[in-house]
Protein backbone atom coordinates (compact mmCIF):
# COMPACT_ATOMS: atom_id res chain seq x y z
CA MET A 1 -0.07 -0.17 0.00
CA VAL A 2 1.27 3.14 -1.06
CA MET A 3 -0.69 5.18 2.34
CA ASP A 4 -1.62 3.54 5.53
CA ALA A 5 -5.04 1.42 6.29
CA ASN A 6 -7.27 3.31 8.29
CA ILE A 7 -10.29 0.19 8.52
CA LEU A 8 -9.53 -3.61 9.35
CA VAL A 9 -12.13 -5.88 8.19
CA LEU A 10 -12.70 -9.15 10.45
CA GLY A 11 -14.37 -12.57 9.88
CA ARG A 12 -16.24 -12.84 13.06
CA PRO A 13 -13.94 -16.32 13.76
CA ALA A 14 -10.51 -13.77 13.10
CA TRP A 15 -11.70 -11.19 15.51
CA SER A 16 -12.95 -13.76 18.35
CA ALA A 17 -9.14 -14.94 18.42
CA LEU A 18 -7.53 -11.25 18.07
CA ARG A 19 -9.77 -10.17 21.46
CA ARG A 20 -8.70 -13.08 23.63
CA HIS A 21 -5.11 -13.15 22.39
CA PRO A 22 -2.69 -12.44 25.21
CA GLN A 23 -0.54 -9.80 24.22
CA ILE A 24 -3.69 -7.83 22.80
CA VAL A 25 -4.69 -8.07 26.33
CA ALA A 26 -2.02 -7.09 28.19
CA ALA A 27 -1.09 -4.20 26.09
CA ILE A 28 -4.65 -2.45 26.59
CA SER A 29 -4.94 -3.54 30.12
CA THR A 30 -4.12 -0.84 32.71
CA SER A 31 -2.96 -3.54 35.05
CA GLY A 32 -1.18 -5.27 32.63
CA THR A 33 -2.84 -8.29 32.63
CA ASP A 34 -3.39 -10.79 29.74
CA LYS A 35 -6.54 -11.70 31.10
CA GLY A 36 -9.73 -10.86 29.23
CA ARG A 37 -10.82 -9.25 26.38
CA ALA A 38 -10.61 -6.52 23.89
CA THR A 39 -13.41 -4.04 22.71
CA LEU A 40 -12.98 -2.64 19.56
CA GLN A 41 -12.53 0.78 20.34
CA ALA A 42 -9.21 -0.33 22.49
CA ALA A 43 -8.21 -2.63 19.10
CA ALA A 44 -8.64 -0.13 17.30
CA GLU A 45 -6.66 2.70 19.02
CA LEU A 46 -3.62 -0.09 19.86
CA LEU A 47 -3.38 -1.00 15.85
CA GLU A 48 -3.82 2.64 15.06
CA VAL A 49 -6.36 1.84 12.68
CA SER A 50 -9.81 4.40 12.96
CA GLU A 51 -12.27 1.72 13.16
CA ILE A 52 -12.57 -2.34 12.81
CA VAL A 53 -15.13 -3.95 11.26
CA VAL A 54 -16.65 -7.68 11.70
CA GLY A 55 -18.50 -9.51 9.57
CA SER A 56 -20.71 -11.97 10.98
CA THR A 57 -22.87 -12.85 8.17
CA TRP A 58 -23.79 -16.19 7.42
CA VAL A 59 -24.68 -17.95 3.90
CA ASN A 60 -26.95 -21.33 2.87
CA ARG A 61 -24.27 -23.02 0.94
CA ALA A 62 -26.42 -25.70 -0.10
CA ARG A 63 -27.93 -26.41 -3.86
CA PRO A 64 -31.61 -25.37 -4.64
CA GLY A 65 -33.88 -27.91 -2.91
CA GLN A 66 -31.27 -29.35 -0.50
CA ALA A 67 -31.60 -29.30 3.22
CA VAL A 68 -30.38 -25.92 4.78
CA VAL A 69 -25.94 -25.24 4.82
CA ARG A 70 -24.97 -22.60 7.29
CA THR A 71 -21.42 -21.63 7.09
CA ARG A 72 -20.32 -17.68 8.30
CA ALA A 73 -19.27 -15.95 4.95
CA TRP A 74 -16.00 -14.20 6.38
CA GLY A 75 -13.75 -17.13 7.16
CA GLY A 76 -10.49 -16.37 9.22
CA HIS A 77 -9.03 -13.83 7.11
CA ALA A 78 -8.37 -10.14 7.93
CA ALA A 79 -8.13 -7.32 5.21
CA LEU A 80 -6.59 -3.76 5.84
CA ILE A 81 -8.08 -1.05 3.59
CA ARG A 82 -7.73 2.83 2.99
CA ARG A 83 -11.04 4.65 3.28
CA GLU A 84 -11.02 8.59 2.92
């Protein structure tokens, strides 16, 4: 990227893992503990982005006429983007 990213886009599984990561929690915690969970706002400030967007959508991957097979549209991926 030529310019710094200001938006972090994550799937729900990736955000769940990131918000519980001991190093993230310890960096955000005022007491230095590595237990707990980070908030979106605190993680955004730590990672120096203006916003973290979490995709939580489910999709039906079954063929027409078949039983519903729900899977997450967002996997464990992340995207860093620039929005003006």
